[in-house]
Each structure stands twice: as structure tokens, then as C-alpha cells.
Amino acid sequence: MGCLTNLPNSLEPNLECVTDIANFGPVAALLTILIGFPLVKLVLKYVKQFFEKYDYIDEGIENFLFKVVSVGLWLVIILTAANELGINVTGIVAALGIVGLAMAFAAQDTIENIIAGIFLMIDRPFREGDRILLPKKIGSLYSSWGDVSEIGLRTTKVRSTDGVLLTIPNKLLTKDTIANFNHKDDRRLRVRIRLGLVPNWKNVSKGEEIVENIAKSHEDICQTKPNPPQIVLRDFGDQEVIMEIRYYVPDAPQMRSTKSYFVKEILKQFEEQGVRLAYPTRLIMKEDIE
């Protein structure tokens, strides 16, 4: 051990002696931790600045990657210090690998949800605040629509239009088709209403006029190009002319309210002005057998 051999009786104050002290197991382990602590903080500071510089990276992914880097750096420091103390680091790493593998099998469902969460954050099929169509298994129980409240690594929270806060495992959202009604580029959505009119010219033309006036009288219906309201006569049905009303609303929450308004006004004004809707007629033939 050089100058450390005769401690504490004598100590040679030279570079070789300092090197021997620094290489002494407990001292080397302590120095590793003392130097590693500020070094880890410095690296994490630069990692955080990197994430802040590129703001297109999702916040959830930033937090996840930051934790992974932080744990990885501290693991390196701890294992290095343990190696200086003469501890078998290879055995520890092997043991951690076995434990990690066992935990991965035990928490397979959780890991699957986390991986799905990472894909949701990268692909961004929806963002917080977007209105989406829920997967069929969920939507059949708690309304078909919901507003995204929070996107997490394991689960996504969605508040249904019935007011129920749903915590949905991420894998369910990656295995089914998700309809996003608030996509970033253009939030306007088209609504379609079909009705059958008694097939005579006076009835149909009067119905068109009334529907056009209804479309112009609601503030949530887009009136300007390229998406003004349209009234289209699609085809002849069995006993009617099929009219389709097409109009755009600026956001998903206006879809149902404007549709309800349209239906109410159509029924009211058609009745007042004598426009007739075509209703299916069923002929029932009954024969008594004695």
C-alpha cells in the first residue's frame, strides 16, 4: 500500500501517497459518491434544458425519460462505489437482471400498458382536452363520447359526456380505433341529418326553403366558405324523396345541440307550413281461420 503501510505512525506527503489514499477502497468509494452527486445533478440539469428546448416532446415522455436517466446515473454511481469496496458488482447486476425479469413476468399487464402509453404520447392520436369516441366495450357502459382529462404512462383519464371519470388502461386505447373529434388542424365537424319528404314538387321545394332558413338562424352553424350549410336531395326512396342536411359546427360539443335544434325546428315549421314528412306504411293482412 506504499505510504499507507505504516499508518498511522508515518505518512509520506507526496503525490504517490495521495494516489495510494485515493485508491484505498473506502476512500475511493466515498470520493465516487462525493464527485458523482454533483456530476449527476449537472447532467440532469442539461437533460432538462434539452427537453425544454425541444417542446414538441410530450411532457409525459419527458418525465419518463428524465426518471430513466436519473435512475441509470445513480445506479452507475452506486455500483462503481460498491466495486471500490470489493463487492462483486457482476453478481449484483446478474441478480438485478433475474429480479427484473421475474418482475417483468409478474407485471406483464402493467408493462404492456406503459408501452402503450409511450406509443400514445409519441403518436399523439389525441391530446388533453380532445373529445374522442370511446372504445366499444367502454362506451357501451358509460356513454360513447368523452373528453380526455389526462394522458399517463399506464392509464388515460377520460370524462364521459355523462360526467363519469373513466381511468382507461392504455392498451385498450391502442387496440381499438379511436375517433378524435378535436384534431389540431381543423376542429370543425360535419353533421348530417336525413329525412324523407312526400314526393311532390311543392312539398319538397317548400321543405328545402324552410331547412335553409333554419340553418341560417343558429349561431353555432358555420355559414361561410368553404363549409356553408348544404341541402341535398339524395335519391328516391320507396315512398319518399330523401333529403340530407349537411352543415359544420366549430367544435364537437355543438354537434348534438345543433342537431336537436334542427329536429325540433323541422317538426315545428313543417307542421305550421304544411310540409309533409313521409312515414312508412305497413299493410297488415289478417285472416281468421276456423
Protein backbone atom coordinates (compact mmCIF):
# COMPACT_ATOMS: atom_id res chain seq x y z
CA MET A 1 0.00 0.00 0.00
CA GLY A 2 3.05 2.32 -0.22
CA CYS A 3 2.82 5.21 2.21
CA LEU A 4 -0.27 3.72 3.84
CA THR A 5 1.66 0.71 5.12
CA ASN A 6 2.97 2.44 8.22
CA LEU A 7 -0.18 4.40 9.06
CA PRO A 8 -0.78 5.97 11.48
CA ASN A 9 2.86 6.20 12.56
CA SER A 10 4.18 7.81 9.39
CA LEU A 11 2.77 9.45 6.27
CA GLU A 12 4.80 10.49 3.27
CA PRO A 13 3.40 13.78 1.91
CA ASN A 14 3.92 13.20 -1.81
CA LEU A 15 1.86 12.57 -4.98
CA GLU A 16 2.36 8.83 -4.77
CA CYS A 17 0.95 8.83 -1.26
CA VAL A 18 -2.10 10.86 -2.31
CA THR A 19 -2.70 8.39 -5.14
CA ASP A 20 -2.47 5.48 -2.71
CA ILE A 21 -5.01 7.11 -0.39
CA ALA A 22 -7.39 7.83 -3.30
CA ASN A 23 -7.13 4.19 -4.44
CA PHE A 24 -7.89 2.86 -0.96
CA GLY A 25 -11.29 1.08 -1.18
CA PRO A 26 -13.42 3.02 1.35
CA VAL A 27 -11.83 6.32 0.35
CA ALA A 28 -12.35 5.62 -3.37
CA ALA A 29 -15.99 4.68 -2.73
CA LEU A 30 -16.54 7.90 -0.73
CA LEU A 31 -14.88 10.00 -3.44
CA THR A 32 -17.02 8.29 -6.09
CA ILE A 33 -20.19 9.33 -4.24
CA LEU A 34 -18.94 12.86 -3.43
CA ILE A 35 -17.89 13.52 -7.02
CA GLY A 36 -20.82 11.60 -8.53
CA PHE A 37 -23.54 13.53 -6.66
CA PRO A 38 -22.84 16.98 -8.23
CA LEU A 39 -21.97 15.33 -11.54
CA VAL A 40 -25.36 13.60 -11.70
CA LYS A 41 -27.14 16.86 -10.84
CA LEU A 42 -25.21 18.64 -13.60
CA VAL A 43 -26.06 16.01 -16.21
CA LEU A 44 -29.75 16.03 -15.21
CA LYS A 45 -29.76 19.83 -15.48
CA TYR A 46 -28.54 19.63 -19.08
CA VAL A 47 -31.07 16.86 -19.84
CA LYS A 48 -33.87 19.07 -18.53
CA GLN A 49 -32.65 22.02 -20.61
CA PHE A 50 -32.59 19.76 -23.67
CA PHE A 51 -36.24 18.77 -23.13
CA GLU A 52 -37.27 22.39 -22.61
CA LYS A 53 -35.53 23.40 -25.83
CA TYR A 54 -37.46 20.88 -27.92
CA ASP A 55 -41.02 21.49 -26.73
CA TYR A 56 -42.57 19.10 -29.28
CA ILE A 57 -41.64 16.20 -26.98
CA ASP A 58 -44.67 15.17 -24.91
CA GLU A 59 -44.46 16.11 -21.23
CA GLY A 60 -45.28 12.58 -20.13
CA ILE A 61 -42.42 11.16 -22.20
CA GLU A 62 -40.09 13.89 -20.86
CA ASN A 63 -40.88 12.90 -17.27
CA PHE A 64 -40.46 9.21 -18.04
CA LEU A 65 -37.11 9.67 -19.83
CA PHE A 66 -35.88 12.02 -17.11
CA LYS A 67 -36.60 9.40 -14.44
CA VAL A 68 -34.92 6.67 -16.51
CA VAL A 69 -31.77 8.79 -16.97
CA SER A 70 -31.77 9.76 -13.29
CA VAL A 71 -32.11 6.17 -12.06
CA GLY A 72 -29.50 4.97 -14.56
CA LEU A 73 -26.91 7.57 -13.46
CA TRP A 74 -27.42 6.87 -9.77
CA LEU A 75 -27.17 3.14 -10.41
CA VAL A 76 -23.81 3.65 -12.13
CA ILE A 77 -22.52 5.72 -9.17
CA ILE A 78 -23.69 3.19 -6.58
CA LEU A 79 -22.29 0.18 -8.46
CA THR A 80 -18.98 1.96 -9.02
CA ALA A 81 -18.71 2.74 -5.30
CA ALA A 82 -19.62 -0.86 -4.44
CA ASN A 83 -16.91 -2.13 -6.78
CA GLU A 84 -14.33 0.05 -4.98
CA LEU A 85 -15.33 -1.62 -1.70
CA GLY A 86 -14.59 -5.01 -3.22
CA ILE A 87 -18.22 -6.06 -3.61
CA ASN A 88 -18.95 -8.40 -6.52
CA VAL A 89 -20.79 -5.98 -8.82
CA THR A 90 -21.19 -8.59 -11.56
CA GLY A 91 -23.17 -10.77 -9.17
CA ILE A 92 -25.36 -7.81 -8.16
CA VAL A 93 -26.08 -6.93 -11.80
CA ALA A 94 -26.92 -10.56 -12.56
CA ALA A 95 -29.21 -10.74 -9.51
CA LEU A 96 -30.92 -7.47 -10.51
CA GLY A 97 -31.41 -8.88 -14.00
CA ILE A 98 -33.08 -12.02 -12.65
CA VAL A 99 -35.27 -9.98 -10.28
CA GLY A 100 -36.15 -7.60 -13.10
CA LEU A 101 -37.09 -10.50 -15.37
CA ALA A 102 -39.29 -12.02 -12.67
CA MET A 103 -40.97 -8.68 -12.05
CA ALA A 104 -41.49 -8.23 -15.79
CA PHE A 105 -43.36 -11.55 -15.98
CA ALA A 106 -45.38 -10.71 -12.86
CA ALA A 107 -46.25 -7.21 -14.08
CA GLN A 108 -46.72 -8.07 -17.75
CA ASP A 109 -50.07 -6.29 -17.93
CA THR A 110 -48.62 -3.12 -16.35
CA ILE A 111 -45.63 -3.13 -18.72
CA GLU A 112 -47.96 -3.59 -21.70
CA ASN A 113 -49.96 -0.55 -20.58
CA ILE A 114 -46.78 1.52 -20.10
CA ILE A 115 -45.53 0.63 -23.59
CA ALA A 116 -48.96 1.52 -24.98
CA GLY A 117 -48.80 4.83 -23.07
CA ILE A 118 -45.44 5.65 -24.64
CA PHE A 119 -46.87 4.99 -28.11
CA LEU A 120 -49.87 7.22 -27.32
CA MET A 121 -47.52 10.04 -26.32
CA ILE A 122 -45.37 9.60 -29.43
CA ASP A 123 -48.16 9.13 -31.99
CA ARG A 124 -50.49 11.65 -30.31
CA PRO A 125 -53.81 10.36 -31.69
CA PHE A 126 -55.39 12.72 -29.16
CA ARG A 127 -54.36 15.34 -26.62
CA GLU A 128 -55.68 16.51 -23.26
CA GLY A 129 -58.98 18.32 -23.82
CA ASP A 130 -59.86 16.46 -27.04
CA ARG A 131 -63.24 14.82 -27.42
CA ILE A 132 -62.95 11.21 -28.54
CA LEU A 133 -65.23 8.31 -29.34
CA LEU A 134 -64.62 5.71 -26.64
CA PRO A 135 -63.80 2.05 -27.41
CA LYS A 136 -66.97 -0.03 -27.82
CA LYS A 137 -66.50 -2.07 -24.64
CA ILE A 138 -66.24 1.10 -22.56
CA GLY A 139 -68.58 3.35 -24.49
CA SER A 140 -71.45 0.87 -24.25
CA LEU A 141 -71.38 1.28 -20.46
CA TYR A 142 -70.64 4.98 -19.89
CA SER A 143 -71.70 6.97 -22.97
CA SER A 144 -69.96 6.75 -26.33
CA TRP A 145 -68.14 10.08 -26.02
CA GLY A 146 -65.63 11.56 -23.63
CA ASP A 147 -63.16 14.42 -23.10
CA VAL A 148 -59.53 13.44 -22.40
CA SER A 149 -58.51 14.75 -18.96
CA GLU A 150 -55.03 13.27 -18.53
CA ILE A 151 -52.70 11.01 -20.50
CA GLY A 152 -50.48 8.95 -18.20
CA LEU A 153 -47.89 6.26 -18.77
CA ARG A 154 -50.15 3.43 -17.58
CA THR A 155 -53.67 4.85 -17.87
CA THR A 156 -55.58 7.65 -19.57
CA LYS A 157 -58.35 9.54 -17.78
CA VAL A 158 -61.42 10.43 -19.82
CA ARG A 159 -64.55 12.20 -18.56
CA SER A 160 -67.56 10.83 -20.41
CA THR A 161 -70.37 13.10 -21.55
CA ASP A 162 -72.42 11.56 -18.72
CA GLY A 163 -69.92 13.09 -16.26
CA VAL A 164 -68.24 9.80 -15.30
CA LEU A 165 -64.44 9.99 -14.91
CA LEU A 166 -63.01 6.86 -16.55
CA THR A 167 -59.49 5.57 -15.91
CA ILE A 168 -58.76 3.51 -19.01
CA PRO A 169 -55.74 1.17 -19.36
CA ASN A 170 -53.68 2.47 -22.27
CA LYS A 171 -53.58 -0.87 -24.07
CA LEU A 172 -57.35 -0.63 -24.66
CA LEU A 173 -56.83 2.66 -26.47
CA THR A 174 -54.15 1.25 -28.77
CA LYS A 175 -56.03 -1.94 -29.68
CA ASP A 176 -59.17 -0.19 -30.93
CA THR A 177 -59.96 2.57 -33.40
CA ILE A 178 -60.05 5.96 -31.70
CA ALA A 179 -62.06 8.74 -33.38
CA ASN A 180 -60.77 12.19 -32.42
CA PHE A 181 -63.33 14.94 -32.93
CA ASN A 182 -60.97 17.77 -31.94
CA HIS A 183 -57.99 17.21 -34.21
CA LYS A 184 -55.46 20.04 -34.08
CA ASP A 185 -55.51 21.29 -37.70
CA ASP A 186 -59.24 21.92 -38.04
CA ARG A 187 -61.79 21.40 -35.28
CA ARG A 188 -64.84 21.91 -37.50
CA LEU A 189 -67.04 18.84 -37.83
CA ARG A 190 -69.77 17.96 -40.29
CA VAL A 191 -73.22 16.91 -39.10
CA ARG A 192 -75.70 15.10 -41.33
CA ILE A 193 -79.45 14.77 -40.90
CA ARG A 194 -81.62 12.71 -43.26
CA LEU A 195 -85.37 12.87 -43.62
CA GLY A 196 -87.97 11.62 -46.07
CA LEU A 197 -90.43 14.01 -47.72
CA VAL A 198 -93.67 13.21 -49.50
CA PRO A 199 -92.57 13.11 -53.18
CA ASN A 200 -94.26 16.07 -54.83
CA TRP A 201 -92.50 19.21 -56.08
CA LYS A 202 -94.36 21.78 -53.99
CA ASN A 203 -93.79 19.81 -50.79
CA VAL A 204 -90.09 19.20 -51.45
CA SER A 205 -89.24 22.75 -52.58
CA LYS A 206 -91.05 24.26 -49.58
CA GLY A 207 -89.19 21.84 -47.29
CA GLU A 208 -85.85 22.94 -48.80
CA GLU A 209 -86.68 26.60 -48.19
CA ILE A 210 -87.60 26.01 -44.56
CA VAL A 211 -84.49 23.94 -43.85
CA GLU A 212 -82.22 26.61 -45.39
CA ASN A 213 -83.75 29.26 -43.13
CA ILE A 214 -83.31 27.04 -40.07
CA ALA A 215 -79.62 26.54 -40.93
CA LYS A 216 -79.09 30.32 -41.12
CA SER A 217 -80.73 31.01 -37.77
CA HIS A 218 -78.33 29.16 -35.43
CA GLU A 219 -75.11 30.86 -34.32
CA ASP A 220 -73.15 27.60 -33.92
CA ILE A 221 -73.62 26.54 -37.56
CA CYS A 222 -70.82 27.61 -39.92
CA GLN A 223 -72.16 29.88 -42.69
CA THR A 224 -69.00 30.87 -44.57
CA LYS A 225 -67.00 29.13 -47.28
CA PRO A 226 -65.66 26.52 -47.67
CA ASN A 227 -68.19 24.92 -45.32
CA PRO A 228 -71.62 26.57 -45.69
CA PRO A 229 -74.77 24.52 -44.98
CA GLN A 230 -75.92 22.25 -47.83
CA ILE A 231 -79.33 20.82 -48.61
CA VAL A 232 -79.04 17.78 -50.89
CA LEU A 233 -81.79 15.63 -52.40
CA ARG A 234 -80.06 12.28 -52.35
CA ASP A 235 -82.49 9.92 -54.01
CA PHE A 236 -85.99 8.50 -54.25
CA GLY A 237 -86.90 6.07 -51.52
CA ASP A 238 -89.74 3.59 -51.57
CA GLN A 239 -92.34 6.26 -50.81
CA GLU A 240 -90.32 9.45 -50.31
CA VAL A 241 -87.65 11.81 -51.55
CA ILE A 242 -84.62 11.55 -49.31
CA MET A 243 -83.27 14.92 -48.20
CA GLU A 244 -79.88 15.23 -46.47
CA ILE A 245 -78.92 18.31 -44.46
CA ARG A 246 -75.18 18.86 -44.19
CA TYR A 247 -73.63 21.56 -42.01
CA TYR A 248 -70.46 22.21 -39.99
CA VAL A 249 -70.04 23.17 -36.35
CA PRO A 250 -66.86 24.74 -34.91
CA ASP A 251 -66.37 22.11 -32.22
CA ALA A 252 -67.59 18.66 -31.16
CA PRO A 253 -69.80 19.79 -28.23
CA GLN A 254 -72.06 21.69 -30.68
CA MET A 255 -72.91 18.57 -32.70
CA ARG A 256 -75.75 17.25 -30.58
CA SER A 257 -77.19 20.60 -29.54
CA THR A 258 -77.47 21.85 -33.13
CA LYS A 259 -78.92 18.54 -34.28
CA SER A 260 -81.56 18.71 -31.57
CA TYR A 261 -82.35 22.28 -32.61
CA PHE A 262 -82.73 21.23 -36.25
CA VAL A 263 -85.07 18.34 -35.47
CA LYS A 264 -87.25 20.50 -33.22
CA GLU A 265 -87.50 23.35 -35.74
CA ILE A 266 -88.17 20.99 -38.66
CA LEU A 267 -91.08 19.36 -36.83
CA LYS A 268 -92.45 22.73 -35.74
CA GLN A 269 -92.13 24.65 -39.00
CA PHE A 270 -93.12 21.76 -41.27
CA GLU A 271 -96.31 21.38 -39.28
CA GLU A 272 -97.03 25.14 -39.34
CA GLN A 273 -96.39 25.48 -43.10
CA GLY A 274 -97.95 22.22 -44.25
CA VAL A 275 -94.83 20.38 -45.38
CA ARG A 276 -95.37 16.64 -45.06
CA LEU A 277 -92.81 14.11 -43.93
CA ALA A 278 -93.12 10.65 -45.45
CA TYR A 279 -93.80 7.90 -42.98
CA PRO A 280 -93.53 4.19 -43.72
CA THR A 281 -96.88 2.47 -44.24
CA ARG A 282 -97.36 -1.08 -43.13
CA LEU A 283 -100.19 -3.19 -44.55
CA ILE A 284 -101.29 -5.87 -42.13
CA MET A 285 -103.50 -8.62 -43.57
CA LYS A 286 -105.26 -10.79 -41.04
CA GLU A 287 -107.27 -13.87 -41.84
CA ASP A 288 -109.31 -15.71 -39.31
CA ILE A 289 -109.06 -19.47 -39.65
CA GLU A 290 -111.76 -21.52 -38.08
